[in-house]
Amino acid sequence: MTTTVDGTPEEIAELLASEFVLHVRGYDGEEVIGLIHPMSVSHCEAVAGVEWHGTPIVSTLARTGGDESSLGQLLMLVYGAAGPTSVQVIPVLAPDGWSQVRLRLPDPRSTTGDSIQVTLNRDRWTAEFEFSGNSAADSSFEIPEELRKCEVGTLLAEIGSRVLLQRPGWMTFMKVPV
């Protein structure tokens, strides 16, 4: 497969060398870890191999639409990996399956290899953002009522779009039903 990424040569190298870690803890005590490996990323399409641990599914291929920004492309990969299609085979990703989610991904805006960690807590309905290179930017938000019925991938993409990309709503652009 040809690897492609839209962006500067530095952004391309950083993104393709990166691995995103998605850790999901279910209410039933189940823990699932997804290692998301970007393979092809552009403004038209995003593709990643996902290595799963803690579930009978060993690996999946996540394929979804692209985005014009490299951070948006990362969110698209997360959506592809943990979105509606994955819920069918990994139930802990379902709206009523998870209790805590932690996503660590590279910050493509950083020149020093910094990362962003997003933590979702269902008991408190909060989303926390931690920036390894800029702790002053750390923030916490209440997950809006209209997003509480989303599966893990859609919820992370939506919250990420609103907070990290300052967009009014990712689902508005993607036409994803809520």
C-alpha atoms as a PDB file:
ATOM      1  CA  MET A   1       0.000   0.000   0.000  1.00  0.00           C
ATOM      2  CA  THR A   2       1.250   3.479  -0.805  1.00  0.00           C
ATOM      3  CA  THR A   3       1.537   5.750   2.182  1.00  0.00           C
ATOM      4  CA  THR A   4       0.347   9.317   1.601  1.00  0.00           C
ATOM      5  CA  VAL A   5      -0.208  12.260   3.893  1.00  0.00           C
ATOM      6  CA  ASP A   6      -1.161  15.862   3.184  1.00  0.00           C
ATOM      7  CA  GLY A   7       1.083  18.318   5.027  1.00  0.00           C
ATOM      8  CA  THR A   8       4.674  19.410   5.381  1.00  0.00           C
ATOM      9  CA  PRO A   9       7.422  16.754   5.162  1.00  0.00           C
ATOM     10  CA  GLU A  10       7.881  17.029   8.937  1.00  0.00           C
ATOM     11  CA  GLU A  11       4.151  16.535   9.606  1.00  0.00           C
ATOM     12  CA  ILE A  12       4.107  13.565   7.255  1.00  0.00           C
ATOM     13  CA  ALA A  13       7.073  11.872   8.945  1.00  0.00           C
ATOM     14  CA  GLU A  14       5.693  12.515  12.431  1.00  0.00           C
ATOM     15  CA  LEU A  15       2.192  11.275  11.663  1.00  0.00           C
ATOM     16  CA  LEU A  16       3.212   8.095   9.881  1.00  0.00           C
ATOM     17  CA  ALA A  17       5.779   7.227  12.543  1.00  0.00           C
ATOM     18  CA  SER A  18       3.199   7.704  15.261  1.00  0.00           C
ATOM     19  CA  GLU A  19       0.942   5.273  16.984  1.00  0.00           C
ATOM     20  CA  PHE A  20      -2.227   6.345  18.754  1.00  0.00           C
ATOM     21  CA  VAL A  21      -3.216   4.447  21.854  1.00  0.00           C
ATOM     22  CA  LEU A  22      -6.918   4.055  22.654  1.00  0.00           C
ATOM     23  CA  HIS A  23      -7.698   2.493  26.037  1.00  0.00           C
ATOM     24  CA  VAL A  24     -11.343   1.705  26.822  1.00  0.00           C
ATOM     25  CA  ARG A  25     -12.614   0.398  30.146  1.00  0.00           C
ATOM     26  CA  GLY A  26     -16.100  -1.057  30.165  1.00  0.00           C
ATOM     27  CA  TYR A  27     -18.673  -1.140  32.934  1.00  0.00           C
ATOM     28  CA  ASP A  28     -18.338  -4.917  33.024  1.00  0.00           C
ATOM     29  CA  GLY A  29     -14.615  -4.605  33.856  1.00  0.00           C
ATOM     30  CA  GLU A  30     -13.522  -5.402  30.314  1.00  0.00           C
ATOM     31  CA  GLU A  31     -10.486  -3.438  29.122  1.00  0.00           C
ATOM     32  CA  VAL A  32      -9.691  -3.062  25.448  1.00  0.00           C
ATOM     33  CA  ILE A  33      -6.649  -1.362  23.954  1.00  0.00           C
ATOM     34  CA  GLY A  34      -6.458  -0.302  20.322  1.00  0.00           C
ATOM     35  CA  LEU A  35      -3.104   0.631  18.794  1.00  0.00           C
ATOM     36  CA  ILE A  36      -3.918   2.744  15.747  1.00  0.00           C
ATOM     37  CA  HIS A  37      -1.181   2.780  13.082  1.00  0.00           C
ATOM     38  CA  PRO A  38      -1.690   5.368  10.283  1.00  0.00           C
ATOM     39  CA  MET A  39      -1.091   3.915   6.821  1.00  0.00           C
ATOM     40  CA  SER A  40      -2.520   6.463   4.402  1.00  0.00           C
ATOM     41  CA  VAL A  41      -3.808   9.895   5.358  1.00  0.00           C
ATOM     42  CA  SER A  42      -4.941  12.746   3.109  1.00  0.00           C
ATOM     43  CA  HIS A  43      -7.665  15.329   2.710  1.00  0.00           C
ATOM     44  CA  CYS A  44      -9.709  12.668   0.836  1.00  0.00           C
ATOM     45  CA  GLU A  45      -9.197   9.490   2.856  1.00  0.00           C
ATOM     46  CA  ALA A  46      -7.652   8.183   6.059  1.00  0.00           C
ATOM     47  CA  VAL A  47      -6.605   4.537   6.518  1.00  0.00           C
ATOM     48  CA  ALA A  48      -5.066   2.869   9.562  1.00  0.00           C
ATOM     49  CA  GLY A  49      -4.343  -0.606  10.797  1.00  0.00           C
ATOM     50  CA  VAL A  50      -5.683  -1.172  14.296  1.00  0.00           C
ATOM     51  CA  GLU A  51      -4.129  -3.760  16.593  1.00  0.00           C
ATOM     52  CA  TRP A  52      -6.607  -4.783  19.313  1.00  0.00           C
ATOM     53  CA  HIS A  53      -5.762  -6.213  22.741  1.00  0.00           C
ATOM     54  CA  GLY A  54      -8.287  -7.578  25.259  1.00  0.00           C
ATOM     55  CA  THR A  55     -10.797  -8.659  22.640  1.00  0.00           C
ATOM     56  CA  PRO A  56     -11.125 -11.676  20.332  1.00  0.00           C
ATOM     57  CA  ILE A  57     -10.676  -9.327  17.365  1.00  0.00           C
ATOM     58  CA  VAL A  58      -6.926  -9.162  16.723  1.00  0.00           C
ATOM     59  CA  SER A  59      -6.803  -6.452  14.082  1.00  0.00           C
ATOM     60  CA  THR A  60      -9.007  -4.312  11.868  1.00  0.00           C
ATOM     61  CA  LEU A  61      -8.524  -1.902   9.012  1.00  0.00           C
ATOM     62  CA  ALA A  62     -10.032   1.537   9.622  1.00  0.00           C
ATOM     63  CA  ARG A  63     -10.957   3.430   6.443  1.00  0.00           C
ATOM     64  CA  THR A  64     -12.823   6.728   6.465  1.00  0.00           C
ATOM     65  CA  GLY A  65     -12.994  10.132   4.797  1.00  0.00           C
ATOM     66  CA  GLY A  66     -10.121  12.587   5.162  1.00  0.00           C
ATOM     67  CA  ASP A  67      -9.821  16.137   6.428  1.00  0.00           C
ATOM     68  CA  GLU A  68      -7.960  19.265   5.347  1.00  0.00           C
ATOM     69  CA  SER A  69      -6.008  19.544   8.633  1.00  0.00           C
ATOM     70  CA  SER A  70      -3.553  16.992  10.001  1.00  0.00           C
ATOM     71  CA  LEU A  71      -5.288  17.098  13.403  1.00  0.00           C
ATOM     72  CA  GLY A  72      -8.614  16.493  11.669  1.00  0.00           C
ATOM     73  CA  GLN A  73      -7.037  13.526   9.875  1.00  0.00           C
ATOM     74  CA  LEU A  74      -6.051  12.052  13.250  1.00  0.00           C
ATOM     75  CA  LEU A  75      -9.620  12.407  14.499  1.00  0.00           C
ATOM     76  CA  MET A  76     -10.893  10.723  11.343  1.00  0.00           C
ATOM     77  CA  LEU A  77      -8.618   7.745  12.053  1.00  0.00           C
ATOM     78  CA  VAL A  78      -9.955   7.504  15.612  1.00  0.00           C
ATOM     79  CA  TYR A  79     -13.515   7.626  14.262  1.00  0.00           C
ATOM     80  CA  GLY A  80     -12.677   4.911  11.724  1.00  0.00           C
ATOM     81  CA  ALA A  81     -11.070   2.710  14.369  1.00  0.00           C
ATOM     82  CA  ALA A  82     -13.677   3.027  17.151  1.00  0.00           C
ATOM     83  CA  GLY A  83     -16.783   4.230  15.327  1.00  0.00           C
ATOM     84  CA  PRO A  84     -20.097   2.564  14.482  1.00  0.00           C
ATOM     85  CA  THR A  85     -18.595  -0.262  12.403  1.00  0.00           C
ATOM     86  CA  SER A  86     -16.279  -1.383  15.213  1.00  0.00           C
ATOM     87  CA  VAL A  87     -19.090  -1.479  17.798  1.00  0.00           C
ATOM     88  CA  GLN A  88     -20.509  -4.514  16.001  1.00  0.00           C
ATOM     89  CA  VAL A  89     -17.404  -6.574  16.854  1.00  0.00           C
ATOM     90  CA  ILE A  90     -16.123  -4.763  19.969  1.00  0.00           C
ATOM     91  CA  PRO A  91     -19.189  -4.058  22.160  1.00  0.00           C
ATOM     92  CA  VAL A  92     -17.285  -2.092  24.841  1.00  0.00           C
ATOM     93  CA  LEU A  93     -17.115   0.756  22.278  1.00  0.00           C
ATOM     94  CA  ALA A  94     -20.920   1.070  22.278  1.00  0.00           C
ATOM     95  CA  PRO A  95     -22.646   4.063  23.909  1.00  0.00           C
ATOM     96  CA  ASP A  96     -23.656   1.973  26.912  1.00  0.00           C
ATOM     97  CA  GLY A  97     -20.498  -0.164  27.035  1.00  0.00           C
ATOM     98  CA  TRP A  98     -17.724   2.146  28.208  1.00  0.00           C
ATOM     99  CA  SER A  99     -17.055   3.789  31.556  1.00  0.00           C
ATOM    100  CA  GLN A 100     -13.709   5.469  30.837  1.00  0.00           C
ATOM    101  CA  VAL A 101     -11.789   6.171  27.639  1.00  0.00           C
ATOM    102  CA  ARG A 102      -8.245   7.420  27.278  1.00  0.00           C
ATOM    103  CA  LEU A 103      -6.767   8.404  23.902  1.00  0.00           C
ATOM    104  CA  ARG A 104      -3.177   9.485  23.401  1.00  0.00           C
ATOM    105  CA  LEU A 105      -2.260  10.900  20.024  1.00  0.00           C
ATOM    106  CA  PRO A 106       0.580  13.002  18.639  1.00  0.00           C
ATOM    107  CA  ASP A 107       0.057  16.748  18.474  1.00  0.00           C
ATOM    108  CA  PRO A 108       0.737  17.595  14.810  1.00  0.00           C
ATOM    109  CA  ARG A 109       1.042  21.279  15.734  1.00  0.00           C
ATOM    110  CA  SER A 110       4.090  20.502  17.863  1.00  0.00           C
ATOM    111  CA  THR A 111       7.649  20.593  16.581  1.00  0.00           C
ATOM    112  CA  THR A 112       9.007  18.664  19.581  1.00  0.00           C
ATOM    113  CA  GLY A 113       6.943  15.452  19.512  1.00  0.00           C
ATOM    114  CA  ASP A 114       4.363  16.508  22.084  1.00  0.00           C
ATOM    115  CA  SER A 115       1.148  14.576  22.553  1.00  0.00           C
ATOM    116  CA  ILE A 116      -2.483  15.182  23.419  1.00  0.00           C
ATOM    117  CA  GLN A 117      -4.318  12.970  25.876  1.00  0.00           C
ATOM    118  CA  VAL A 118      -8.107  12.941  25.902  1.00  0.00           C
ATOM    119  CA  THR A 119      -9.872  11.237  28.815  1.00  0.00           C
ATOM    120  CA  LEU A 120     -13.620  10.641  28.830  1.00  0.00           C
ATOM    121  CA  ASN A 121     -15.351   9.746  32.086  1.00  0.00           C
ATOM    122  CA  ARG A 122     -18.900   8.484  31.759  1.00  0.00           C
ATOM    123  CA  ASP A 123     -19.770   8.613  35.479  1.00  0.00           C
ATOM    124  CA  ARG A 124     -19.102  12.363  35.538  1.00  0.00           C
ATOM    125  CA  TRP A 125     -19.746  12.950  31.802  1.00  0.00           C
ATOM    126  CA  THR A 126     -16.475  14.867  31.418  1.00  0.00           C
ATOM    127  CA  ALA A 127     -13.861  15.183  28.702  1.00  0.00           C
ATOM    128  CA  GLU A 128     -10.376  16.207  29.829  1.00  0.00           C
ATOM    129  CA  PHE A 129      -7.623  17.380  27.491  1.00  0.00           C
ATOM    130  CA  GLU A 130      -3.963  17.319  28.518  1.00  0.00           C
ATOM    131  CA  PHE A 131      -1.224  18.751  26.304  1.00  0.00           C
ATOM    132  CA  SER A 132       2.250  17.410  27.099  1.00  0.00           C
ATOM    133  CA  GLY A 133       3.992  20.494  25.673  1.00  0.00           C
ATOM    134  CA  ASN A 134       1.663  23.131  27.092  1.00  0.00           C
ATOM    135  CA  SER A 135       0.020  22.310  30.411  1.00  0.00           C
ATOM    136  CA  ALA A 136      -1.495  25.803  30.471  1.00  0.00           C
ATOM    137  CA  ALA A 137      -3.796  24.628  27.669  1.00  0.00           C
ATOM    138  CA  ASP A 138      -5.116  21.658  29.700  1.00  0.00           C
ATOM    139  CA  SER A 139      -8.880  21.808  30.010  1.00  0.00           C
ATOM    140  CA  SER A 140     -11.960  19.926  31.142  1.00  0.00           C
ATOM    141  CA  PHE A 141     -15.457  20.046  29.679  1.00  0.00           C
ATOM    142  CA  GLU A 142     -18.825  18.517  30.381  1.00  0.00           C
ATOM    143  CA  ILE A 143     -19.908  16.166  27.608  1.00  0.00           C
ATOM    144  CA  PRO A 144     -23.070  17.715  26.139  1.00  0.00           C
ATOM    145  CA  GLU A 145     -26.318  15.787  26.536  1.00  0.00           C
ATOM    146  CA  GLU A 146     -26.728  15.331  22.787  1.00  0.00           C
ATOM    147  CA  LEU A 147     -23.413  13.431  22.561  1.00  0.00           C
ATOM    148  CA  ARG A 148     -24.008  11.013  25.432  1.00  0.00           C
ATOM    149  CA  LYS A 149     -25.601   8.429  23.155  1.00  0.00           C
ATOM    150  CA  CYS A 150     -22.624   8.248  20.769  1.00  0.00           C
ATOM    151  CA  GLU A 151     -20.196   5.347  20.590  1.00  0.00           C
ATOM    152  CA  VAL A 152     -16.554   5.951  21.512  1.00  0.00           C
ATOM    153  CA  GLY A 153     -15.250   6.832  18.013  1.00  0.00           C
ATOM    154  CA  THR A 154     -17.936   9.393  17.200  1.00  0.00           C
ATOM    155  CA  LEU A 155     -17.737  10.924  20.679  1.00  0.00           C
ATOM    156  CA  LEU A 156     -13.937  11.363  20.516  1.00  0.00           C
ATOM    157  CA  ALA A 157     -14.116  12.827  17.004  1.00  0.00           C
ATOM    158  CA  GLU A 158     -16.915  15.213  17.960  1.00  0.00           C
ATOM    159  CA  ILE A 159     -15.355  16.426  21.205  1.00  0.00           C
ATOM    160  CA  GLY A 160     -11.956  16.674  19.496  1.00  0.00           C
ATOM    161  CA  SER A 161     -13.407  18.706  16.663  1.00  0.00           C
ATOM    162  CA  ARG A 162     -15.075  21.163  19.015  1.00  0.00           C
ATOM    163  CA  VAL A 163     -12.105  21.575  21.366  1.00  0.00           C
ATOM    164  CA  LEU A 164      -8.995  20.973  19.259  1.00  0.00           C
ATOM    165  CA  LEU A 165     -10.160  22.263  15.875  1.00  0.00           C
ATOM    166  CA  GLN A 166     -12.531  24.938  17.214  1.00  0.00           C
ATOM    167  CA  ARG A 167     -15.216  23.724  14.819  1.00  0.00           C
ATOM    168  CA  PRO A 168     -18.881  24.018  15.739  1.00  0.00           C
ATOM    169  CA  GLY A 169     -19.402  20.291  15.377  1.00  0.00           C
ATOM    170  CA  TRP A 170     -17.756  17.456  13.512  1.00  0.00           C
ATOM    171  CA  MET A 171     -21.057  15.621  13.013  1.00  0.00           C
ATOM    172  CA  THR A 172     -22.443  18.640  11.194  1.00  0.00           C
ATOM    173  CA  PHE A 173     -19.749  18.273   8.552  1.00  0.00           C
ATOM    174  CA  MET A 174     -19.869  14.461   8.425  1.00  0.00           C
ATOM    175  CA  LYS A 175     -23.694  14.181   8.515  1.00  0.00           C
ATOM    176  CA  VAL A 176     -23.401  11.575  11.254  1.00  0.00           C
ATOM    177  CA  PRO A 177     -26.772  10.929  12.934  1.00  0.00           C
ATOM    178  CA  VAL A 178     -26.868  11.508  16.672  1.00  0.00           C
END
